[in-house]
Amino acid sequence: MLPAELRSLARRVLDAYRRRGLTIATAESCTGGLIAGALTEIAGSSDVVERGFVTYANAAKQEMLGVPEATLLADGAVSEATVRAMAEGALANSPADVAVAVTGVAGPGGGSAEKPVGLVHLATTMRGDGTRHWRMEFGGIGRGAIREATVEAALEMLLERVGESVATRPGQVRLSGLNVVVLFLGAVLAIVLGGMLAFLLVQALGLPRRGTAFLGLMSLVPSLAILLWVYLWIRLKSRRSTTWFGLGEMTLRRLAIGVGGGMAAAAASMAIAFLLRPLVGEPDNIVLKMIEIAGGMSPGLALIILLFAVAAAPVWEELLFRGALYGWCRGRLGVASSALLVALAHALLHLDPAVAPALALIFVWFALLYEWTGNLWVPILAHATNNSLAVLGVWLYLAGWLD
């Protein structure tokens, strides 16, 4: 019996494709036909579901879908190259308009350090619109749960393929192009409204405009406004519970990758900024400006910088830039192009010419961490670690310990 959530999702897929007059073919390895089964459990699905291929063995992938033997030998059955070839082969061997393909390690055995249990590659291809790829890491949650999660992801990917916005499982945000624009415009509006609210609070409370409290309100309120907007947007676009943002997704392995990745990013960015400093002059850095306005490094200001730079900013910046913008670009461009484009957009938030190249580099690095682990919490943690070390460096510099 299909779980209620998957049944609802399958019905959404069928309705979306029926409205557009499109048909679907499936090519499945680790799910063994469960995607086609989920769709065909809904009565009347025959006008959308054209056919399905269950290609569990490598020989079946070659014979039924035309996956090149060289691809299987070089990249393996569980890989981006193979799943793309599976999707394209399903479309080539059917009259369907859209094909979805999955291959992964469902466990409990068969995993490795490079391809752990729970790793799944998915792809969709559409006539005249190219092939898109998702990589998911579900972890060792059990064979049945991995297969069910893969079916869910495949149905979500089919929705995304035709422009339907879908918020996926914890740590993932998958959006169509229009919804990315709406999300970013909403974030800009949240900054403006948050800044106006903070300024009104400053006036109402009679706070001095060159003090710590002023800086705290003017920095934290807009950030919290963006977080609230993103949360409400996700809730509006998804019927899921709020556990989509659950810390349960942060395994020990991802924790280590996030912290280690953040430390590497901090070291690289500081080195680049140090080398470029003689060429571009002193920084036009927002943190230093805040400290200068406040007139010193008070304990209250230290807390403000910690909260803003280490807690609030990494969360909303990664949600918007990594979860939304990168997720959208990644469905249309390659990893390197998407990472560079999003990194440049992200770096524009910062004013220091010496730091901007370093920021572009580390934001590419964060995108690669996201691509590698398939989880948004990893770049959030890496970002927070990088910010923590950067703030510590500012404190040491201002204290004269780095002169």
Protein backbone atom coordinates (compact mmCIF):
# COMPACT_ATOMS: atom_id res chain seq x y z
CA MET A 1 0.00 0.00 0.00
CA LEU A 2 1.43 3.35 -1.03
CA PRO A 3 1.98 5.80 1.90
CA ALA A 4 -0.47 8.72 1.88
CA GLU A 5 2.29 11.29 1.26
CA LEU A 6 3.64 9.42 -1.79
CA ARG A 7 0.13 8.84 -3.10
CA SER A 8 -0.58 12.57 -2.88
CA LEU A 9 2.72 13.36 -4.58
CA ALA A 10 2.07 10.84 -7.36
CA ARG A 11 -1.36 12.37 -7.96
CA ARG A 12 0.25 15.81 -8.20
CA VAL A 13 2.67 14.51 -10.83
CA LEU A 14 -0.10 12.94 -12.88
CA ASP A 15 -2.26 16.09 -12.68
CA ALA A 16 0.66 18.34 -13.67
CA TYR A 17 1.59 16.20 -16.68
CA ARG A 18 -2.02 15.68 -17.70
CA ARG A 19 -2.59 19.45 -17.78
CA ARG A 20 0.39 19.82 -20.10
CA GLY A 21 -0.42 16.80 -22.26
CA LEU A 22 2.91 15.11 -21.44
CA THR A 23 3.74 11.44 -20.92
CA ILE A 24 6.37 9.78 -18.71
CA ALA A 25 8.76 6.84 -19.02
CA THR A 26 10.68 5.48 -16.03
CA ALA A 27 14.08 3.75 -15.89
CA GLU A 28 14.75 2.20 -12.49
CA SER A 29 17.57 0.30 -10.89
CA CYS A 30 17.61 0.49 -7.07
CA THR A 31 13.84 1.06 -6.83
CA GLY A 32 12.98 -1.95 -8.96
CA GLY A 33 9.83 -0.46 -10.51
CA LEU A 34 8.49 1.35 -7.44
CA ILE A 35 8.32 4.73 -9.23
CA ALA A 36 6.15 3.30 -12.00
CA GLY A 37 4.20 1.46 -9.32
CA ALA A 38 3.54 4.67 -7.37
CA LEU A 39 2.27 6.45 -10.46
CA THR A 40 0.13 3.55 -11.72
CA GLU A 41 -1.47 2.97 -8.32
CA ILE A 42 -3.52 6.09 -9.09
CA ALA A 43 -6.57 5.25 -11.20
CA GLY A 44 -6.52 6.77 -14.69
CA SER A 45 -2.72 7.06 -14.86
CA SER A 46 -2.54 5.35 -18.26
CA ASP A 47 -2.84 8.66 -20.11
CA VAL A 48 0.40 9.87 -18.47
CA VAL A 49 2.54 6.79 -17.74
CA GLU A 50 3.77 5.46 -21.10
CA ARG A 51 6.14 2.67 -20.00
CA GLY A 52 8.75 1.67 -17.47
CA PHE A 53 12.14 -0.04 -17.62
CA VAL A 54 13.48 -2.03 -14.65
CA THR A 55 17.19 -2.41 -15.38
CA TYR A 56 18.74 -3.85 -12.25
CA ALA A 57 21.73 -5.52 -13.88
CA ASN A 58 24.38 -3.68 -15.87
CA ALA A 59 23.59 -5.89 -18.86
CA ALA A 60 19.98 -4.76 -18.71
CA LYS A 61 21.05 -1.14 -18.66
CA GLN A 62 23.06 -1.75 -21.80
CA GLU A 63 20.50 -3.87 -23.65
CA MET A 64 17.28 -2.01 -22.78
CA LEU A 65 18.52 1.57 -22.41
CA GLY A 66 21.71 1.66 -24.46
CA VAL A 67 23.94 2.73 -21.58
CA PRO A 68 27.49 2.52 -22.98
CA GLU A 69 29.64 -0.24 -21.51
CA ALA A 70 32.49 2.27 -21.28
CA THR A 71 30.37 4.47 -18.98
CA LEU A 72 29.58 1.56 -16.67
CA LEU A 73 33.22 0.50 -16.55
CA ALA A 74 34.59 3.99 -15.99
CA ASP A 75 31.97 5.46 -13.65
CA GLY A 76 30.08 2.48 -12.30
CA ALA A 77 26.37 1.73 -12.19
CA VAL A 78 25.81 4.27 -9.39
CA SER A 79 27.01 7.50 -10.96
CA GLU A 80 25.83 10.70 -12.60
CA ALA A 81 27.04 9.57 -16.03
CA THR A 82 25.11 6.31 -15.82
CA VAL A 83 21.84 7.79 -14.58
CA ARG A 84 21.94 10.44 -17.29
CA ALA A 85 22.47 7.74 -19.90
CA MET A 86 19.60 5.73 -18.40
CA ALA A 87 17.18 8.66 -18.63
CA GLU A 88 18.25 9.49 -22.17
CA GLY A 89 17.99 5.82 -23.16
CA ALA A 90 14.47 5.56 -21.75
CA LEU A 91 13.42 8.55 -23.83
CA ALA A 92 15.15 7.20 -26.94
CA ASN A 93 13.38 3.85 -26.57
CA SER A 94 9.88 5.21 -26.00
CA PRO A 95 7.53 7.85 -27.40
CA ALA A 96 7.29 9.51 -23.95
CA ASP A 97 7.93 13.23 -23.51
CA VAL A 98 9.81 13.02 -20.20
CA ALA A 99 11.89 10.23 -18.65
CA VAL A 100 13.06 9.81 -15.07
CA ALA A 101 15.88 7.45 -14.05
CA VAL A 102 17.34 6.36 -10.70
CA THR A 103 20.32 4.29 -9.62
CA GLY A 104 21.78 3.96 -6.15
CA VAL A 105 23.05 1.89 -3.23
CA ALA A 106 20.01 0.77 -1.24
CA GLY A 107 21.98 -1.48 1.12
CA PRO A 108 22.32 -2.85 3.61
CA GLY A 109 25.54 -4.00 1.91
CA GLY A 110 27.34 -2.91 -1.22
CA GLY A 111 28.44 0.50 -0.01
CA SER A 112 31.94 1.96 0.00
CA ALA A 113 33.70 5.10 1.20
CA GLU A 114 33.22 6.65 -2.24
CA LYS A 115 29.66 5.36 -2.74
CA PRO A 116 28.09 4.83 0.68
CA VAL A 117 24.79 3.12 1.37
CA GLY A 118 22.04 5.67 0.75
CA LEU A 119 23.76 7.38 -2.20
CA VAL A 120 21.29 7.79 -5.07
CA HIS A 121 21.64 9.49 -8.44
CA LEU A 122 18.49 10.67 -10.25
CA ALA A 123 18.01 12.23 -13.68
CA THR A 124 15.20 13.55 -15.80
CA THR A 125 15.32 14.33 -19.48
CA MET A 126 12.74 16.08 -21.64
CA ARG A 127 12.56 16.23 -25.39
CA GLY A 128 14.21 19.44 -26.54
CA ASP A 129 15.18 20.51 -23.01
CA GLY A 130 18.22 18.47 -22.00
CA THR A 131 18.96 16.29 -18.98
CA ARG A 132 19.06 17.30 -15.31
CA HIS A 133 20.70 15.43 -12.43
CA TRP A 134 20.20 15.24 -8.68
CA ARG A 135 22.49 13.53 -6.19
CA MET A 136 20.99 12.46 -2.87
CA GLU A 137 22.56 10.94 0.24
CA PHE A 138 19.90 9.39 2.44
CA GLY A 139 22.34 7.67 4.79
CA GLY A 140 21.98 4.26 6.40
CA ILE A 141 18.27 4.58 7.12
CA GLY A 142 17.43 1.05 5.91
CA ARG A 143 16.83 -0.49 2.52
CA GLY A 144 13.07 0.06 2.47
CA ALA A 145 13.37 3.68 3.63
CA ILE A 146 16.06 4.43 1.03
CA ARG A 147 13.91 3.03 -1.77
CA GLU A 148 10.86 4.94 -0.58
CA ALA A 149 12.87 8.17 -0.26
CA THR A 150 14.18 7.64 -3.80
CA VAL A 151 10.64 7.26 -5.16
CA GLU A 152 9.69 10.47 -3.37
CA ALA A 153 12.68 12.33 -4.79
CA ALA A 154 11.95 11.03 -8.31
CA LEU A 155 8.34 12.23 -8.13
CA GLU A 156 9.53 15.61 -6.88
CA MET A 157 12.04 15.79 -9.71
CA LEU A 158 9.29 15.08 -12.22
CA LEU A 159 7.34 18.01 -10.79
CA GLU A 160 10.38 20.29 -10.91
CA ARG A 161 10.94 19.26 -14.51
CA VAL A 162 7.69 20.91 -15.62
CA GLY A 163 8.10 24.02 -13.46
CA GLU A 164 6.17 22.90 -10.38
CA SER A 165 7.84 24.20 -7.20
CA VAL A 166 8.73 21.49 -4.71
CA ALA A 167 10.48 21.75 -1.34
CA THR A 168 12.18 18.40 -0.82
CA ARG A 169 13.34 16.56 2.26
CA PRO A 170 15.36 18.24 5.05
CA GLY A 171 18.26 20.32 3.82
CA GLN A 172 17.06 20.47 0.22
CA VAL A 173 15.25 23.27 -1.59
CA ARG A 174 14.29 22.58 -5.22
CA LEU A 175 12.69 25.45 -7.12
CA SER A 176 11.58 26.41 -10.59
CA GLY A 177 13.03 29.56 -12.18
CA LEU A 178 10.07 31.83 -11.43
CA ASN A 179 10.01 30.78 -7.79
CA VAL A 180 13.72 31.53 -7.40
CA VAL A 181 13.01 35.09 -8.57
CA VAL A 182 10.04 35.40 -6.20
CA LEU A 183 12.08 34.05 -3.28
CA PHE A 184 14.93 36.51 -3.90
CA LEU A 185 12.61 39.50 -4.40
CA GLY A 186 10.89 38.56 -1.16
CA ALA A 187 14.27 38.44 0.59
CA VAL A 188 15.11 41.93 -0.70
CA LEU A 189 11.75 43.19 0.56
CA ALA A 190 12.38 41.47 3.91
CA ILE A 191 15.70 43.34 4.25
CA VAL A 192 14.00 46.67 3.49
CA LEU A 193 11.06 46.08 5.83
CA GLY A 194 13.34 44.64 8.53
CA GLY A 195 15.60 47.68 8.31
CA MET A 196 12.61 50.03 8.53
CA LEU A 197 11.28 48.15 11.56
CA ALA A 198 14.69 48.28 13.26
CA PHE A 199 14.96 52.02 12.62
CA LEU A 200 11.48 52.61 14.04
CA LEU A 201 12.46 50.65 17.15
CA VAL A 202 15.59 52.79 17.52
CA GLN A 203 13.48 55.95 17.34
CA ALA A 204 10.77 54.63 19.65
CA LEU A 205 13.32 53.58 22.28
CA GLY A 206 15.39 56.76 21.88
CA LEU A 207 18.60 54.84 21.29
CA PRO A 208 21.77 56.65 20.16
CA ARG A 209 22.59 56.00 16.51
CA ARG A 210 26.25 55.34 17.15
CA GLY A 211 25.82 52.74 19.86
CA THR A 212 25.87 48.99 20.21
CA ALA A 213 22.08 48.62 20.53
CA PHE A 214 21.56 50.54 17.28
CA LEU A 215 23.99 48.29 15.42
CA GLY A 216 22.40 45.21 16.93
CA LEU A 217 18.89 46.10 15.81
CA MET A 218 19.97 47.28 12.35
CA SER A 219 21.89 44.07 11.67
CA LEU A 220 19.88 41.34 13.37
CA VAL A 221 16.30 42.43 12.57
CA PRO A 222 16.75 42.35 8.75
CA SER A 223 18.49 38.96 9.00
CA LEU A 224 15.70 37.54 11.12
CA ALA A 225 13.17 39.01 8.69
CA ILE A 226 14.82 37.12 5.82
CA LEU A 227 14.82 33.89 7.83
CA LEU A 228 11.12 34.36 8.61
CA TRP A 229 10.36 35.01 4.92
CA VAL A 230 12.22 31.90 3.77
CA TYR A 231 10.49 29.80 6.43
CA LEU A 232 7.05 31.10 5.48
CA TRP A 233 7.80 30.63 1.77
CA ILE A 234 8.81 27.01 2.28
CA ARG A 235 5.74 26.38 4.42
CA LEU A 236 3.53 27.99 1.78
CA LYS A 237 5.02 25.91 -1.02
CA SER A 238 5.14 22.61 0.83
CA ARG A 239 2.69 20.65 2.94
CA ARG A 240 5.52 19.07 4.86
CA SER A 241 6.03 19.52 8.57
CA THR A 242 8.63 22.00 9.79
CA THR A 243 11.12 19.13 10.17
CA TRP A 244 12.38 20.04 6.69
CA PHE A 245 14.90 22.15 8.60
CA GLY A 246 15.70 19.42 11.13
CA LEU A 247 19.19 19.09 12.56
CA GLY A 248 18.69 15.33 12.40
CA GLU A 249 20.18 15.53 8.91
CA MET A 250 23.54 16.53 10.39
CA THR A 251 25.38 13.22 10.78
CA LEU A 252 28.85 13.01 12.36
CA ARG A 253 30.36 12.64 8.90
CA ARG A 254 28.63 15.77 7.62
CA LEU A 255 29.55 17.60 10.82
CA ALA A 256 33.21 16.80 10.24
CA ILE A 257 33.01 17.80 6.56
CA GLY A 258 31.27 21.07 7.44
CA VAL A 259 33.71 22.11 10.18
CA GLY A 260 36.76 20.96 8.22
CA GLY A 261 35.48 22.64 5.06
CA GLY A 262 34.90 25.88 6.95
CA MET A 263 38.40 25.84 8.42
CA ALA A 264 39.90 25.23 4.98
CA ALA A 265 37.81 28.07 3.55
CA ALA A 266 38.94 30.45 6.30
CA ALA A 267 42.60 29.62 5.78
CA ALA A 268 42.35 30.04 2.02
CA SER A 269 40.37 33.30 2.16
CA MET A 270 42.71 34.86 4.74
CA ALA A 271 45.74 33.91 2.66
CA ILE A 272 44.28 35.40 -0.52
CA ALA A 273 43.16 38.57 1.27
CA PHE A 274 46.65 38.95 2.79
CA LEU A 275 48.30 38.59 -0.60
CA LEU A 276 45.92 41.06 -2.29
CA ARG A 277 45.95 43.65 0.48
CA PRO A 278 49.03 45.56 -0.83
CA LEU A 279 47.37 45.86 -4.23
CA VAL A 280 43.92 47.06 -3.18
CA GLY A 281 44.53 48.96 0.05
CA GLU A 282 42.71 48.86 3.36
CA PRO A 283 39.38 47.05 3.66
CA ASP A 284 35.93 48.49 3.18
CA ASN A 285 34.58 45.76 5.44
CA ILE A 286 31.13 45.89 7.02
CA VAL A 287 32.36 44.37 10.30
CA LEU A 288 35.09 46.96 10.68
CA LYS A 289 32.60 49.73 9.83
CA MET A 290 30.26 48.48 12.54
CA ILE A 291 33.07 48.50 15.09
CA GLU A 292 34.18 51.97 14.05
CA ILE A 293 30.65 53.37 14.34
CA ALA A 294 30.21 51.81 17.78
CA GLY A 295 33.40 53.41 18.94
CA GLY A 296 35.11 50.35 20.31
CA MET A 297 34.96 46.66 20.88
CA SER A 298 32.42 46.44 23.69
CA PRO A 299 31.16 43.06 24.95
CA GLY A 300 27.71 43.90 23.59
CA LEU A 301 29.06 44.55 20.11
CA ALA A 302 31.07 41.34 20.24
CA LEU A 303 27.83 39.48 20.90
CA ILE A 304 26.09 41.27 18.00
CA ILE A 305 28.85 40.35 15.55
CA LEU A 306 28.78 36.76 16.81
CA LEU A 307 25.01 36.47 16.38
CA PHE A 308 24.88 38.17 13.00
CA ALA A 309 28.02 36.80 11.37
CA VAL A 310 28.05 33.30 12.83
CA ALA A 311 24.38 32.42 13.40
CA ALA A 312 21.88 34.34 11.30
CA ALA A 313 23.79 35.26 8.15
CA PRO A 314 25.13 31.79 7.19
CA VAL A 315 21.66 30.28 7.45
CA TRP A 316 19.77 32.71 5.24
CA GLU A 317 22.66 33.24 2.84
CA GLU A 318 23.05 29.50 2.26
CA LEU A 319 19.29 28.97 1.95
CA LEU A 320 19.01 31.66 -0.68
CA PHE A 321 22.26 31.21 -2.55
CA ARG A 322 23.02 27.51 -2.12
CA GLY A 323 19.60 26.02 -1.58
CA ALA A 324 17.64 28.14 -4.04
CA LEU A 325 19.86 29.82 -6.63
CA TYR A 326 22.46 27.05 -6.90
CA GLY A 327 19.77 24.37 -6.90
CA TRP A 328 18.04 26.09 -9.80
CA CYS A 329 21.25 26.75 -11.77
CA ARG A 330 22.45 23.20 -11.15
CA GLY A 331 19.40 21.84 -12.93
CA ARG A 332 20.39 23.74 -16.06
CA LEU A 333 24.19 24.15 -15.95
CA GLY A 334 27.17 22.10 -14.86
CA VAL A 335 28.61 22.02 -11.34
CA ALA A 336 31.50 24.40 -12.10
CA SER A 337 29.36 26.96 -14.00
CA SER A 338 26.62 26.93 -11.34
CA ALA A 339 29.09 27.21 -8.47
CA LEU A 340 30.97 30.10 -10.08
CA LEU A 341 27.81 32.02 -11.00
CA VAL A 342 26.34 31.72 -7.52
CA ALA A 343 29.70 32.49 -5.89
CA LEU A 344 30.02 35.74 -7.84
CA ALA A 345 26.45 36.73 -6.91
CA HIS A 346 27.17 35.90 -3.28
CA ALA A 347 30.46 37.81 -3.25
CA LEU A 348 28.65 40.99 -4.35
CA LEU A 349 27.16 41.16 -0.85
CA HIS A 350 30.60 42.13 0.49
CA LEU A 351 32.37 45.42 -0.01
CA ASP A 352 36.05 44.64 0.51
CA PRO A 353 37.93 44.36 -2.86
CA ALA A 354 40.66 42.28 -1.24
CA VAL A 355 38.19 39.86 0.28
CA ALA A 356 35.83 39.53 -2.71
CA PRO A 357 38.10 37.15 -4.73
CA ALA A 358 38.63 35.04 -1.62
CA LEU A 359 34.88 34.99 -1.00
CA ALA A 360 34.20 33.91 -4.57
CA LEU A 361 36.64 31.04 -4.06
CA ILE A 362 35.16 29.85 -0.78
CA PHE A 363 31.59 30.14 -2.07
CA VAL A 364 32.59 27.84 -4.95
CA TRP A 365 34.04 25.56 -2.27
CA PHE A 366 30.75 25.64 -0.31
CA ALA A 367 28.86 24.71 -3.49
CA LEU A 368 31.18 21.73 -3.98
CA LEU A 369 30.57 20.65 -0.38
CA TYR A 370 26.84 20.83 -1.07
CA GLU A 371 27.25 18.85 -4.28
CA TRP A 372 29.44 16.27 -2.60
CA THR A 373 27.22 15.61 0.42
CA GLY A 374 23.81 16.49 -1.05
CA ASN A 375 22.87 18.26 2.18
CA LEU A 376 22.42 21.97 2.79
CA TRP A 377 23.47 21.82 6.43
CA VAL A 378 27.06 21.10 5.41
CA PRO A 379 27.71 24.46 3.66
CA ILE A 380 25.71 26.22 6.41
CA LEU A 381 28.06 24.74 9.01
CA ALA A 382 31.13 25.43 6.85
CA HIS A 383 29.95 29.02 6.38
CA ALA A 384 29.44 29.45 10.13
CA THR A 385 32.88 27.98 10.87
CA ASN A 386 34.50 30.28 8.33
CA ASN A 387 32.67 33.29 9.80
CA SER A 388 33.66 32.33 13.34
CA LEU A 389 37.34 32.25 12.40
CA ALA A 390 37.01 35.49 10.43
CA VAL A 391 35.40 37.26 13.41
CA LEU A 392 38.11 35.88 15.69
CA GLY A 393 40.70 37.26 13.28
CA VAL A 394 39.05 40.69 13.37
CA TRP A 395 39.05 40.67 17.16
CA LEU A 396 42.74 39.70 17.31
CA TYR A 397 43.60 42.37 14.73
CA LEU A 398 41.77 45.09 16.65
CA ALA A 399 43.38 43.98 19.89
CA GLY A 400 46.77 44.50 18.26
CA TRP A 401 47.79 40.87 18.56
CA LEU A 402 48.27 40.44 14.83
CA ASP A 403 50.34 43.58 14.21
